[in-house]
């Protein structure tokens, strides 16, 4: 969970810098990629937990 929140925080910071600074649009793209990676990571972790403890 900490890793997910860290990835989201990094993505937001890179996105803000990419939008605010001219010529640094690639940072916005990197921020979006990091955000997608964080969401995918959280989804995989959630799927693992669901497999270990299924609800009956």
N, C-alpha and C. Protein backbone atom coordinates (compact mmCIF):
# COMPACT_ATOMS: atom_id res chain seq x y z
N UNK A 1 0.83 -1.20 0.00
CA UNK A 1 0.00 0.00 0.00
C UNK A 1 0.86 1.25 0.00
N UNK A 2 1.97 1.18 0.74
CA UNK A 2 2.86 2.34 0.79
C UNK A 2 3.48 2.59 -0.58
N UNK A 3 3.84 1.51 -1.27
CA UNK A 3 4.42 1.67 -2.60
C UNK A 3 3.43 2.30 -3.56
N UNK A 4 2.17 1.89 -3.49
CA UNK A 4 1.13 2.47 -4.34
C UNK A 4 0.99 3.97 -4.09
N UNK A 5 0.93 4.34 -2.83
CA UNK A 5 0.78 5.76 -2.50
C UNK A 5 2.01 6.56 -2.92
N UNK A 6 3.19 5.96 -2.79
CA UNK A 6 4.41 6.63 -3.23
C UNK A 6 4.41 6.83 -4.74
N UNK A 7 3.98 5.82 -5.50
CA UNK A 7 3.91 5.95 -6.95
C UNK A 7 2.90 7.02 -7.37
N UNK A 8 1.77 7.07 -6.69
CA UNK A 8 0.77 8.09 -7.01
C UNK A 8 1.31 9.49 -6.70
N UNK A 9 1.99 9.62 -5.58
CA UNK A 9 2.57 10.92 -5.22
C UNK A 9 3.62 11.36 -6.24
N UNK A 10 4.47 10.46 -6.66
CA UNK A 10 5.48 10.78 -7.67
C UNK A 10 4.80 11.17 -8.98
N UNK A 11 3.75 10.45 -9.36
CA UNK A 11 3.05 10.76 -10.60
C UNK A 11 2.43 12.15 -10.55
N UNK A 12 1.85 12.51 -9.44
CA UNK A 12 1.23 13.84 -9.30
C UNK A 12 2.30 14.93 -9.37
N UNK A 13 3.40 14.73 -8.69
CA UNK A 13 4.47 15.73 -8.70
C UNK A 13 5.04 15.91 -10.11
N UNK A 14 5.31 14.79 -10.80
CA UNK A 14 5.83 14.89 -12.17
C UNK A 14 4.81 15.54 -13.10
N UNK A 15 3.54 15.24 -12.90
CA UNK A 15 2.50 15.85 -13.73
C UNK A 15 2.42 17.36 -13.52
N UNK A 16 2.51 17.80 -12.28
CA UNK A 16 2.45 19.24 -12.00
C UNK A 16 3.66 19.94 -12.59
N UNK A 17 4.83 19.37 -12.43
CA UNK A 17 6.04 19.98 -12.99
C UNK A 17 5.96 19.99 -14.52
N UNK A 18 5.46 18.90 -15.10
CA UNK A 18 5.35 18.82 -16.56
C UNK A 18 4.39 19.84 -17.14
N UNK A 19 3.33 20.15 -16.42
CA UNK A 19 2.36 21.13 -16.90
C UNK A 19 2.86 22.55 -16.66
N UNK A 20 3.49 22.79 -15.51
CA UNK A 20 3.89 24.14 -15.13
C UNK A 20 5.10 24.64 -15.92
N UNK A 21 6.04 23.77 -16.21
CA UNK A 21 7.26 24.20 -16.88
C UNK A 21 7.13 23.97 -18.39
N UNK A 22 7.44 24.99 -19.13
CA UNK A 22 7.39 24.87 -20.59
C UNK A 22 8.52 23.98 -21.07
N UNK A 23 8.22 23.13 -22.03
CA UNK A 23 9.23 22.25 -22.59
C UNK A 23 9.47 20.99 -21.77
N UNK A 24 8.73 20.80 -20.70
CA UNK A 24 8.90 19.59 -19.90
C UNK A 24 7.64 18.74 -19.95
N UNK A 25 7.00 18.72 -21.08
CA UNK A 25 5.79 17.92 -21.25
C UNK A 25 6.04 16.44 -21.10
N UNK A 26 7.28 16.02 -21.35
CA UNK A 26 7.60 14.61 -21.19
C UNK A 26 7.47 14.17 -19.73
N UNK A 27 7.62 15.09 -18.79
CA UNK A 27 7.43 14.73 -17.39
C UNK A 27 5.97 14.40 -17.11
N UNK A 28 5.07 15.09 -17.80
CA UNK A 28 3.65 14.76 -17.67
C UNK A 28 3.38 13.35 -18.17
N UNK A 29 3.99 12.99 -19.28
CA UNK A 29 3.82 11.64 -19.83
C UNK A 29 4.39 10.60 -18.86
N UNK A 30 5.57 10.87 -18.31
CA UNK A 30 6.18 9.96 -17.34
C UNK A 30 5.29 9.83 -16.11
N UNK A 31 4.71 10.94 -15.66
CA UNK A 31 3.81 10.91 -14.52
C UNK A 31 2.59 10.04 -14.78
N UNK A 32 2.04 10.14 -15.98
CA UNK A 32 0.88 9.32 -16.34
C UNK A 32 1.26 7.84 -16.36
N UNK A 33 2.43 7.53 -16.91
CA UNK A 33 2.89 6.14 -16.95
C UNK A 33 3.09 5.60 -15.53
N UNK A 34 3.68 6.41 -14.66
CA UNK A 34 3.89 5.97 -13.28
C UNK A 34 2.55 5.77 -12.57
N UNK A 35 1.58 6.63 -12.83
CA UNK A 35 0.26 6.47 -12.24
C UNK A 35 -0.40 5.18 -12.70
N UNK A 36 -0.32 4.90 -13.99
CA UNK A 36 -0.89 3.65 -14.52
C UNK A 36 -0.19 2.45 -13.90
N UNK A 37 1.13 2.52 -13.75
CA UNK A 37 1.88 1.42 -13.13
C UNK A 37 1.44 1.23 -11.68
N UNK A 38 1.22 2.31 -10.97
CA UNK A 38 0.77 2.22 -9.59
C UNK A 38 -0.60 1.59 -9.46
N UNK A 39 -1.51 1.97 -10.34
CA UNK A 39 -2.85 1.39 -10.32
C UNK A 39 -2.80 -0.10 -10.68
N UNK A 40 -1.97 -0.45 -11.67
CA UNK A 40 -1.83 -1.86 -12.04
C UNK A 40 -1.23 -2.66 -10.89
N UNK A 41 -0.26 -2.09 -10.21
CA UNK A 41 0.36 -2.76 -9.06
C UNK A 41 -0.66 -3.01 -7.96
N UNK A 42 -1.48 -2.00 -7.68
CA UNK A 42 -2.51 -2.15 -6.65
C UNK A 42 -3.54 -3.20 -7.06
N UNK A 43 -3.89 -3.26 -8.33
CA UNK A 43 -4.85 -4.25 -8.81
C UNK A 43 -4.30 -5.66 -8.65
N UNK A 44 -3.03 -5.84 -8.97
CA UNK A 44 -2.41 -7.16 -8.83
C UNK A 44 -2.35 -7.56 -7.36
N UNK A 45 -2.01 -6.64 -6.49
CA UNK A 45 -1.96 -6.94 -5.07
C UNK A 45 -3.35 -7.28 -4.54
N UNK A 46 -4.35 -6.57 -4.99
CA UNK A 46 -5.73 -6.85 -4.57
C UNK A 46 -6.19 -8.22 -5.04
N UNK A 47 -5.80 -8.61 -6.25
CA UNK A 47 -6.17 -9.93 -6.77
C UNK A 47 -5.48 -11.03 -5.98
N UNK A 48 -4.26 -10.80 -5.58
CA UNK A 48 -3.54 -11.79 -4.77
C UNK A 48 -4.22 -11.99 -3.43
N UNK A 49 -4.63 -10.91 -2.80
CA UNK A 49 -5.30 -11.02 -1.50
C UNK A 49 -6.63 -11.73 -1.62
N UNK A 50 -7.34 -11.48 -2.69
CA UNK A 50 -8.65 -12.11 -2.89
C UNK A 50 -8.49 -13.61 -3.07
N UNK A 51 -7.41 -14.05 -3.71
CA UNK A 51 -7.19 -15.48 -3.91
C UNK A 51 -6.83 -16.18 -2.60
N UNK A 52 -6.12 -15.51 -1.73
CA UNK A 52 -5.69 -16.12 -0.47
C UNK A 52 -6.85 -16.32 0.50
N UNK A 53 -7.73 -15.33 0.57
CA UNK A 53 -8.82 -15.36 1.54
C UNK A 53 -10.17 -15.17 0.82
N UNK A 54 -10.64 -16.20 0.18
CA UNK A 54 -11.93 -16.03 -0.53
C UNK A 54 -13.08 -15.91 0.48
N UNK A 55 -14.05 -15.11 0.09
CA UNK A 55 -15.24 -14.93 0.92
C UNK A 55 -16.19 -16.09 0.70
N UNK A 56 -16.78 -16.60 1.78
CA UNK A 56 -17.70 -17.73 1.64
C UNK A 56 -19.09 -17.34 2.01
